[in-house]
Amino acid sequence: MEQELPLAEALRRIQRALDTMDALPRAVFDLHRYRDLDYHRIAVELDISVAEVERQLAAAMLHILRCTDGGGP
């Protein structure tokens, strides 16, 4: 059975993931999660394709998962 991380440790790992993320996936993640933009609007904002938005968001989520799972950046 997996043991849950204390909240402070989980937040520290999330912040580390965001701090170590490459610029494009971070921008896509920020626009999607914090500004609630859809993929098409993000593509327009960043002058990239919708497919690239999808790829970059997936890369951002994978990076966060790896960092919060204890694997590090």
C-alpha atoms as a PDB file:
ATOM      1  CA  MET A   1       0.000   0.000   0.000  1.00  0.00           C
ATOM      2  CA  GLU A   2       1.351   3.419  -0.975  1.00  0.00           C
ATOM      3  CA  GLN A   3       1.857   5.911   1.794  1.00  0.00           C
ATOM      4  CA  GLU A   4       0.635   9.441   1.118  1.00  0.00           C
ATOM      5  CA  LEU A   5       3.119  12.302   1.219  1.00  0.00           C
ATOM      6  CA  PRO A   6       2.665  15.029   3.785  1.00  0.00           C
ATOM      7  CA  LEU A   7       1.062  18.074   2.165  1.00  0.00           C
ATOM      8  CA  ALA A   8       4.169  20.240   2.540  1.00  0.00           C
ATOM      9  CA  GLU A   9       6.310  17.647   0.746  1.00  0.00           C
ATOM     10  CA  ALA A  10       3.767  17.209  -2.048  1.00  0.00           C
ATOM     11  CA  LEU A  11       3.622  20.982  -2.583  1.00  0.00           C
ATOM     12  CA  ARG A  12       7.421  21.210  -2.553  1.00  0.00           C
ATOM     13  CA  ARG A  13       7.648  18.543  -5.249  1.00  0.00           C
ATOM     14  CA  ILE A  14       5.009  20.248  -7.392  1.00  0.00           C
ATOM     15  CA  GLN A  15       6.852  23.564  -7.107  1.00  0.00           C
ATOM     16  CA  ARG A  16      10.136  21.863  -8.018  1.00  0.00           C
ATOM     17  CA  ALA A  17       8.441  20.307 -11.052  1.00  0.00           C
ATOM     18  CA  LEU A  18       7.163  23.693 -12.204  1.00  0.00           C
ATOM     19  CA  ASP A  19      10.540  25.342 -11.557  1.00  0.00           C
ATOM     20  CA  THR A  20      12.438  22.739 -13.582  1.00  0.00           C
ATOM     21  CA  MET A  21      10.009  22.462 -16.494  1.00  0.00           C
ATOM     22  CA  ASP A  22      11.144  23.614 -19.955  1.00  0.00           C
ATOM     23  CA  ALA A  23       9.713  26.951 -21.114  1.00  0.00           C
ATOM     24  CA  LEU A  24       7.213  25.785 -23.757  1.00  0.00           C
ATOM     25  CA  PRO A  25       5.522  23.037 -21.751  1.00  0.00           C
ATOM     26  CA  ARG A  26       5.413  25.430 -18.773  1.00  0.00           C
ATOM     27  CA  ALA A  27       3.748  28.139 -20.877  1.00  0.00           C
ATOM     28  CA  VAL A  28       1.183  25.678 -22.235  1.00  0.00           C
ATOM     29  CA  PHE A  29       0.520  24.313 -18.738  1.00  0.00           C
ATOM     30  CA  ASP A  30       0.104  27.816 -17.284  1.00  0.00           C
ATOM     31  CA  LEU A  31      -2.277  28.943 -20.019  1.00  0.00           C
ATOM     32  CA  HIS A  32      -4.374  25.808 -19.739  1.00  0.00           C
ATOM     33  CA  ARG A  33      -4.469  25.357 -15.963  1.00  0.00           C
ATOM     34  CA  TYR A  34      -4.305  28.916 -14.645  1.00  0.00           C
ATOM     35  CA  ARG A  35      -5.921  30.958 -17.411  1.00  0.00           C
ATOM     36  CA  ASP A  36      -8.339  28.169 -18.422  1.00  0.00           C
ATOM     37  CA  LEU A  37      -7.669  28.607 -22.143  1.00  0.00           C
ATOM     38  CA  ASP A  38      -8.680  25.875 -24.566  1.00  0.00           C
ATOM     39  CA  TYR A  39      -6.142  24.226 -26.864  1.00  0.00           C
ATOM     40  CA  HIS A  40      -7.063  26.366 -29.874  1.00  0.00           C
ATOM     41  CA  ARG A  41      -6.630  29.636 -27.944  1.00  0.00           C
ATOM     42  CA  ILE A  42      -3.314  28.446 -26.497  1.00  0.00           C
ATOM     43  CA  ALA A  43      -2.136  27.596 -30.027  1.00  0.00           C
ATOM     44  CA  VAL A  44      -3.032  31.116 -31.175  1.00  0.00           C
ATOM     45  CA  GLU A  45      -1.381  32.743 -28.136  1.00  0.00           C
ATOM     46  CA  LEU A  46       1.869  30.813 -28.602  1.00  0.00           C
ATOM     47  CA  ASP A  47       1.806  30.620 -32.406  1.00  0.00           C
ATOM     48  CA  ILE A  48       1.987  26.827 -32.432  1.00  0.00           C
ATOM     49  CA  SER A  49      -0.358  24.112 -33.715  1.00  0.00           C
ATOM     50  CA  VAL A  50      -3.074  22.502 -31.621  1.00  0.00           C
ATOM     51  CA  ALA A  51      -1.194  19.203 -31.983  1.00  0.00           C
ATOM     52  CA  GLU A  52       1.882  20.899 -30.492  1.00  0.00           C
ATOM     53  CA  VAL A  53      -0.240  22.205 -27.612  1.00  0.00           C
ATOM     54  CA  GLU A  54      -1.368  18.630 -26.948  1.00  0.00           C
ATOM     55  CA  ARG A  55       2.217  17.329 -27.062  1.00  0.00           C
ATOM     56  CA  GLN A  56       3.526  20.067 -24.781  1.00  0.00           C
ATOM     57  CA  LEU A  57       0.731  19.668 -22.241  1.00  0.00           C
ATOM     58  CA  ALA A  58       1.370  15.925 -22.143  1.00  0.00           C
ATOM     59  CA  ALA A  59       5.090  16.616 -21.624  1.00  0.00           C
ATOM     60  CA  ALA A  60       4.267  19.034 -18.796  1.00  0.00           C
ATOM     61  CA  MET A  61       1.985  16.554 -17.065  1.00  0.00           C
ATOM     62  CA  LEU A  62       4.541  13.752 -17.423  1.00  0.00           C
ATOM     63  CA  HIS A  63       7.247  15.997 -15.956  1.00  0.00           C
ATOM     64  CA  ILE A  64       5.026  16.858 -12.987  1.00  0.00           C
ATOM     65  CA  LEU A  65       4.170  13.191 -12.465  1.00  0.00           C
ATOM     66  CA  ARG A  66       7.829  12.166 -12.513  1.00  0.00           C
ATOM     67  CA  CYS A  67       8.800  14.917 -10.079  1.00  0.00           C
ATOM     68  CA  THR A  68       5.983  14.237  -7.647  1.00  0.00           C
ATOM     69  CA  ASP A  69       6.421  10.478  -7.787  1.00  0.00           C
ATOM     70  CA  GLY A  70       9.848  10.801  -6.193  1.00  0.00           C
ATOM     71  CA  GLY A  71      11.793  10.279  -9.400  1.00  0.00           C
ATOM     72  CA  GLY A  72      13.008  13.876  -9.629  1.00  0.00           C
ATOM     73  CA  PRO A  73      13.246  16.065 -12.739  1.00  0.00           C
END
